[in-house]
C-alpha atoms as a PDB file:
ATOM      1  CA  MET A   1    -220.985-159.924  59.676  1.00  0.00           C
ATOM      2  CA  THR A   2    -219.722-156.632  58.790  1.00  0.00           C
ATOM      3  CA  SER A   3    -217.850-154.587  61.494  1.00  0.00           C
ATOM      4  CA  PHE A   4    -220.863-151.946  61.142  1.00  0.00           C
ATOM      5  CA  LYS A   5    -223.447-154.385  61.842  1.00  0.00           C
ATOM      6  CA  LYS A   6    -221.395-155.731  64.711  1.00  0.00           C
ATOM      7  CA  LEU A   7    -221.145-151.852  66.241  1.00  0.00           C
ATOM      8  CA  PHE A   8    -224.733-151.514  65.452  1.00  0.00           C
ATOM      9  CA  LEU A   9    -225.856-154.765  67.609  1.00  0.00           C
ATOM     10  CA  SER A  10    -223.713-153.869  70.236  1.00  0.00           C
ATOM     11  CA  ALA A  11    -224.653-150.379  70.878  1.00  0.00           C
ATOM     12  CA  SER A  12    -228.388-151.618  70.618  1.00  0.00           C
ATOM     13  CA  ALA A  13    -227.567-154.036  73.115  1.00  0.00           C
ATOM     14  CA  LEU A  14    -225.935-151.483  75.513  1.00  0.00           C
ATOM     15  CA  LEU A  15    -229.008-148.749  75.022  1.00  0.00           C
ATOM     16  CA  MET A  16    -231.299-151.600  75.575  1.00  0.00           C
ATOM     17  CA  THR A  17    -229.838-152.083  79.400  1.00  0.00           C
ATOM     18  CA  ALA A  18    -228.873-148.532  79.904  1.00  0.00           C
ATOM     19  CA  SER A  19    -230.513-145.997  81.669  1.00  0.00           C
ATOM     20  CA  LEU A  20    -230.192-142.405  80.101  1.00  0.00           C
ATOM     21  CA  HIS A  21    -230.634-139.038  81.919  1.00  0.00           C
ATOM     22  CA  ALA A  22    -231.101-135.645  80.332  1.00  0.00           C
ATOM     23  CA  GLN A  23    -229.891-133.238  83.196  1.00  0.00           C
ATOM     24  CA  LEU A  24    -229.873-129.639  84.276  1.00  0.00           C
ATOM     25  CA  GLU A  25    -228.344-128.107  87.303  1.00  0.00           C
ATOM     26  CA  ALA A  26    -227.819-125.031  89.013  1.00  0.00           C
ATOM     27  CA  THR A  27    -224.411-124.768  90.495  1.00  0.00           C
ATOM     28  CA  GLN A  28    -222.658-123.116  93.185  1.00  0.00           C
ATOM     29  CA  LEU A  29    -218.666-122.743  92.757  1.00  0.00           C
ATOM     30  CA  PHE A  30    -216.382-121.922  95.576  1.00  0.00           C
ATOM     31  CA  MET A  31    -213.052-120.609  94.028  1.00  0.00           C
ATOM     32  CA  LYS A  32    -210.496-118.201  95.526  1.00  0.00           C
ATOM     33  CA  GLY A  33    -212.892-117.385  98.426  1.00  0.00           C
ATOM     34  CA  ASN A  34    -215.521-116.434  95.986  1.00  0.00           C
ATOM     35  CA  SER A  35    -218.944-118.122  95.558  1.00  0.00           C
ATOM     36  CA  ILE A  36    -220.464-117.983  92.145  1.00  0.00           C
ATOM     37  CA  THR A  37    -223.915-119.152  90.861  1.00  0.00           C
ATOM     38  CA  GLY A  38    -223.846-120.891  87.455  1.00  0.00           C
ATOM     39  CA  VAL A  39    -225.952-123.496  85.330  1.00  0.00           C
ATOM     40  CA  GLY A  40    -225.041-126.692  83.751  1.00  0.00           C
ATOM     41  CA  ALA A  41    -226.412-129.526  81.587  1.00  0.00           C
ATOM     42  CA  PHE A  42    -225.319-133.272  81.661  1.00  0.00           C
ATOM     43  CA  LEU A  43    -225.928-136.260  79.810  1.00  0.00           C
ATOM     44  CA  HIS A  44    -225.754-139.226  82.235  1.00  0.00           C
ATOM     45  CA  VAL A  45    -225.758-142.885  81.038  1.00  0.00           C
ATOM     46  CA  GLY A  46    -225.949-145.893  83.442  1.00  0.00           C
ATOM     47  CA  PHE A  47    -225.321-149.534  82.757  1.00  0.00           C
ATOM     48  CA  PRO A  48    -226.843-151.900  85.369  1.00  0.00           C
ATOM     49  CA  VAL A  49    -224.574-154.334  87.402  1.00  0.00           C
ATOM     50  CA  SER A  50    -227.273-155.712  89.762  1.00  0.00           C
ATOM     51  CA  LYS A  51    -231.091-154.615  89.982  1.00  0.00           C
ATOM     52  CA  GLY A  52    -230.415-151.562  92.076  1.00  0.00           C
ATOM     53  CA  ASP A  53    -226.416-150.624  91.009  1.00  0.00           C
ATOM     54  CA  GLU A  54    -225.191-149.147  87.983  1.00  0.00           C
ATOM     55  CA  ILE A  55    -222.046-148.080  86.496  1.00  0.00           C
ATOM     56  CA  SER A  56    -222.340-144.651  85.053  1.00  0.00           C
ATOM     57  CA  GLY A  57    -220.594-142.190  82.771  1.00  0.00           C
ATOM     58  CA  GLU A  58    -221.593-138.714  82.506  1.00  0.00           C
ATOM     59  CA  ILE A  59    -220.337-135.724  80.005  1.00  0.00           C
ATOM     60  CA  GLY A  60    -221.040-131.944  80.984  1.00  0.00           C
ATOM     61  CA  PHE A  61    -220.972-128.574  80.697  1.00  0.00           C
ATOM     62  CA  ASP A  62    -220.991-125.784  83.565  1.00  0.00           C
ATOM     63  CA  TYR A  63    -220.899-122.152  82.941  1.00  0.00           C
ATOM     64  CA  PHE A  64    -220.093-119.308  85.275  1.00  0.00           C
ATOM     65  CA  SER A  65    -220.015-115.604  84.532  1.00  0.00           C
ATOM     66  CA  PRO A  66    -218.890-113.513  87.586  1.00  0.00           C
ATOM     67  CA  ASN A  67    -218.865-109.984  86.919  1.00  0.00           C
ATOM     68  CA  THR A  68    -217.078-109.476  83.661  1.00  0.00           C
ATOM     69  CA  HIS A  69    -215.464-112.801  83.610  1.00  0.00           C
ATOM     70  CA  HIS A  70    -216.373-116.238  82.540  1.00  0.00           C
ATOM     71  CA  ILE A  71    -215.556-119.670  83.557  1.00  0.00           C
ATOM     72  CA  VAL A  72    -216.305-122.873  81.621  1.00  0.00           C
ATOM     73  CA  PHE A  73    -216.023-126.671  82.925  1.00  0.00           C
ATOM     74  CA  ALA A  74    -216.488-129.709  80.683  1.00  0.00           C
ATOM     75  CA  PRO A  75    -216.457-132.615  82.873  1.00  0.00           C
ATOM     76  CA  PHE A  76    -215.963-136.186  81.978  1.00  0.00           C
ATOM     77  CA  LEU A  77    -216.965-138.596  84.816  1.00  0.00           C
ATOM     78  CA  VAL A  78    -217.411-142.150  85.914  1.00  0.00           C
ATOM     79  CA  GLY A  79    -219.118-143.378  88.713  1.00  0.00           C
ATOM     80  CA  TYR A  80    -221.144-146.141  90.612  1.00  0.00           C
ATOM     81  CA  ARG A  81    -224.639-145.458  91.532  1.00  0.00           C
ATOM     82  CA  HIS A  82    -225.934-147.422  94.316  1.00  0.00           C
ATOM     83  CA  THR A  83    -229.820-147.357  95.381  1.00  0.00           C
ATOM     84  CA  PHE A  84    -230.216-148.201  99.053  1.00  0.00           C
ATOM     85  CA  ASP A  85    -233.336-150.132  98.495  1.00  0.00           C
ATOM     86  CA  GLY A  86    -231.968-152.107  95.646  1.00  0.00           C
ATOM     87  CA  SER A  87    -234.689-151.252  93.390  1.00  0.00           C
ATOM     88  CA  GLY A  88    -232.961-148.839  90.905  1.00  0.00           C
ATOM     89  CA  ALA A  89    -235.007-145.955  92.121  1.00  0.00           C
ATOM     90  CA  GLY A  90    -235.505-144.260  95.367  1.00  0.00           C
ATOM     91  CA  TRP A  91    -232.855-143.003  97.559  1.00  0.00           C
ATOM     92  CA  TYR A  92    -229.101-143.501  96.009  1.00  0.00           C
ATOM     93  CA  ALA A  93    -225.378-142.423  96.603  1.00  0.00           C
ATOM     94  CA  GLU A  94    -223.113-141.962  93.683  1.00  0.00           C
ATOM     95  CA  PRO A  95    -219.151-141.414  94.058  1.00  0.00           C
ATOM     96  CA  VAL A  96    -217.677-140.209  90.741  1.00  0.00           C
ATOM     97  CA  ALA A  97    -214.060-139.547  89.653  1.00  0.00           C
ATOM     98  CA  GLY A  98    -212.898-138.245  85.897  1.00  0.00           C
ATOM     99  CA  TYR A  99    -211.336-135.152  84.424  1.00  0.00           C
ATOM    100  CA  ALA A 100    -212.396-131.732  83.827  1.00  0.00           C
ATOM    101  CA  VAL A 101    -211.407-129.765  80.863  1.00  0.00           C
ATOM    102  CA  GLY A 102    -211.811-125.896  81.595  1.00  0.00           C
ATOM    103  CA  GLY A 103    -211.259-122.371  80.805  1.00  0.00           C
ATOM    104  CA  THR A 104    -211.464-118.892  82.225  1.00  0.00           C
ATOM    105  CA  ASP A 105    -210.526-115.508  81.393  1.00  0.00           C
ATOM    106  CA  ILE A 106    -209.513-114.642  85.088  1.00  0.00           C
ATOM    107  CA  VAL A 107    -205.832-113.260  84.918  1.00  0.00           C
ATOM    108  CA  LYS A 108    -203.520-115.047  87.266  1.00  0.00           C
ATOM    109  CA  THR A 109    -201.869-112.962  89.794  1.00  0.00           C
ATOM    110  CA  ASP A 110    -199.067-113.440  92.512  1.00  0.00           C
ATOM    111  CA  ALA A 111    -199.472-113.355  96.372  1.00  0.00           C
ATOM    112  CA  ASN A 112    -199.271-109.427  96.248  1.00  0.00           C
ATOM    113  CA  GLY A 113    -201.954-109.339  93.481  1.00  0.00           C
ATOM    114  CA  ASN A 114    -199.647-108.593  90.532  1.00  0.00           C
ATOM    115  CA  THR A 115    -200.610-109.897  87.360  1.00  0.00           C
ATOM    116  CA  ILE A 116    -198.422-112.843  85.868  1.00  0.00           C
ATOM    117  CA  TYR A 117    -197.189-112.465  82.464  1.00  0.00           C
ATOM    118  CA  ASN A 118    -195.692-115.757  80.369  1.00  0.00           C
ATOM    119  CA  SER A 119    -192.498-115.371  78.541  1.00  0.00           C
ATOM    120  CA  GLU A 120    -194.027-113.569  75.610  1.00  0.00           C
ATOM    121  CA  GLY A 121    -195.222-110.608  77.841  1.00  0.00           C
ATOM    122  CA  VAL A 122    -198.954-112.019  77.796  1.00  0.00           C
ATOM    123  CA  ALA A 123    -200.912-112.083  80.889  1.00  0.00           C
ATOM    124  CA  GLU A 124    -201.730-115.616  81.867  1.00  0.00           C
ATOM    125  CA  ASP A 125    -205.330-116.978  82.722  1.00  0.00           C
ATOM    126  CA  GLU A 126    -205.894-119.343  85.691  1.00  0.00           C
ATOM    127  CA  LYS A 127    -206.138-122.995  84.812  1.00  0.00           C
ATOM    128  CA  THR A 128    -209.447-124.581  85.754  1.00  0.00           C
ATOM    129  CA  GLY A 129    -209.122-128.174  84.397  1.00  0.00           C
ATOM    130  CA  GLY A 130    -207.699-131.175  86.070  1.00  0.00           C
ATOM    131  CA  PRO A 131    -208.833-134.638  87.869  1.00  0.00           C
ATOM    132  CA  ILE A 132    -212.037-134.260  89.485  1.00  0.00           C
ATOM    133  CA  VAL A 133    -213.845-136.572  92.262  1.00  0.00           C
ATOM    134  CA  GLY A 134    -217.317-135.832  93.734  1.00  0.00           C
ATOM    135  CA  LEU A 135    -219.966-137.378  95.878  1.00  0.00           C
ATOM    136  CA  GLY A 136    -223.827-137.342  94.671  1.00  0.00           C
ATOM    137  CA  PHE A 137    -226.913-138.039  96.834  1.00  0.00           C
ATOM    138  CA  GLY A 138    -230.390-138.105  95.345  1.00  0.00           C
ATOM    139  CA  TYR A 139    -233.711-139.517  94.810  1.00  0.00           C
ATOM    140  CA  ILE A 140    -235.408-141.155  91.793  1.00  0.00           C
ATOM    141  CA  ILE A 141    -239.024-141.172  91.944  1.00  0.00           C
ATOM    142  CA  PRO A 142    -239.803-144.901  91.273  1.00  0.00           C
ATOM    143  CA  ASN A 143    -242.780-144.149  88.588  1.00  0.00           C
ATOM    144  CA  PRO A 144    -242.139-145.827  85.236  1.00  0.00           C
ATOM    145  CA  ARG A 145    -243.793-143.192  83.448  1.00  0.00           C
ATOM    146  CA  TYR A 146    -242.218-140.156  85.160  1.00  0.00           C
ATOM    147  CA  PRO A 147    -238.662-141.160  86.587  1.00  0.00           C
ATOM    148  CA  ILE A 148    -237.691-137.987  87.494  1.00  0.00           C
ATOM    149  CA  ASN A 149    -234.354-137.862  89.400  1.00  0.00           C
ATOM    150  CA  PHE A 150    -233.760-135.027  92.347  1.00  0.00           C
ATOM    151  CA  GLY A 151    -229.943-134.826  93.222  1.00  0.00           C
ATOM    152  CA  LEU A 152    -227.331-132.916  95.191  1.00  0.00           C
ATOM    153  CA  ARG A 153    -223.611-133.201  94.262  1.00  0.00           C
ATOM    154  CA  TYR A 154    -220.157-132.126  95.618  1.00  0.00           C
ATOM    155  CA  GLU A 155    -217.377-131.955  93.001  1.00  0.00           C
ATOM    156  CA  HIS A 156    -213.635-130.900  93.527  1.00  0.00           C
ATOM    157  CA  ILE A 157    -211.355-130.313  90.738  1.00  0.00           C
ATOM    158  CA  PHE A 158    -207.410-130.493  91.415  1.00  0.00           C
ATOM    159  CA  VAL A 159    -205.802-127.986  89.523  1.00  0.00           C
ATOM    160  CA  SER A 160    -202.004-127.771  89.844  1.00  0.00           C
ATOM    161  CA  GLY A 161    -200.528-124.460  90.711  1.00  0.00           C
ATOM    162  CA  ASP A 162    -203.813-122.501  90.613  1.00  0.00           C
ATOM    163  CA  PRO A 163    -207.106-122.339  93.073  1.00  0.00           C
ATOM    164  CA  SER A 164    -208.886-125.523  92.979  1.00  0.00           C
ATOM    165  CA  PRO A 165    -212.705-125.080  92.472  1.00  0.00           C
ATOM    166  CA  ASN A 166    -215.307-126.667  94.294  1.00  0.00           C
ATOM    167  CA  MET A 167    -218.786-127.082  93.213  1.00  0.00           C
ATOM    168  CA  LEU A 168    -221.957-127.946  94.772  1.00  0.00           C
ATOM    169  CA  ALA A 169    -224.853-128.633  92.261  1.00  0.00           C
ATOM    170  CA  PHE A 170    -228.519-129.110  92.722  1.00  0.00           C
ATOM    171  CA  ARG A 171    -229.583-131.620  89.812  1.00  0.00           C
ATOM    172  CA  ILE A 172    -232.749-132.062  88.238  1.00  0.00           C
ATOM    173  CA  SER A 173    -233.099-134.886  85.537  1.00  0.00           C
ATOM    174  CA  TRP A 174    -235.745-136.965  83.612  1.00  0.00           C
ATOM    175  CA  SER A 175    -234.674-140.436  82.955  1.00  0.00           C
ATOM    176  CA  VAL A 176    -235.205-141.228  79.181  1.00  0.00           C
ATOM    177  CA  LEU A 177    -234.619-145.191  79.407  1.00  0.00           C
ATOM    178  CA  THR A 178    -235.071-145.834  83.347  1.00  0.00           C
ATOM    179  CA  GLY A 179    -238.798-146.048  82.949  1.00  0.00           C
ATOM    180  CA  ARG A 180    -238.592-149.017  80.924  1.00  0.00           C
ATOM    181  CA  ARG A 181    -236.291-150.736  83.243  1.00  0.00           C
ATOM    182  CA  LEU A 182    -238.899-149.782  86.038  1.00  0.00           C
ATOM    183  CA  SER A 183    -241.714-151.176  84.170  1.00  0.00           C
ATOM    184  CA  ALA A 184    -240.081-154.533  83.838  1.00  0.00           C
ATOM    185  CA  GLN A 185    -240.318-154.855  87.538  1.00  0.00           C
END
């Protein structure tokens, strides 16, 4: 069997057992004593480890535009979703951890509010990426045709030497593949 066929069969087997969520979210960012509302989109995939629990992976994009500045985060997360009734739907909790790549055009300042310059004389931008941890809670409607997920998640990005962002997100997603798993119950 060729390596392409093995890869195709492995990917097909994973997708048959996985759940996939296409997500949108409204996010509140707390950074440097400021609060900013932004938007995000995520692709969440879950691999069942029992009837009601799954190991999850997620990639996403968050965008904030306070005043004339811009802040962007792209988190890469792994987690463990546990549904409290053991069905794979209903109320759940999901701790997550990973790494967030980020960027901003907000200029770094010292304790006195003066702009910090690098060795080339160019103003430095604040760092926004780093290790990330979070905890989410939510509810998946236990309907095989419309397994919609409503969730609330808190995340903290650990940024060395710069203010660490905290995010609180309200998430809504439609579970692309969960319906098949729910209808098999």
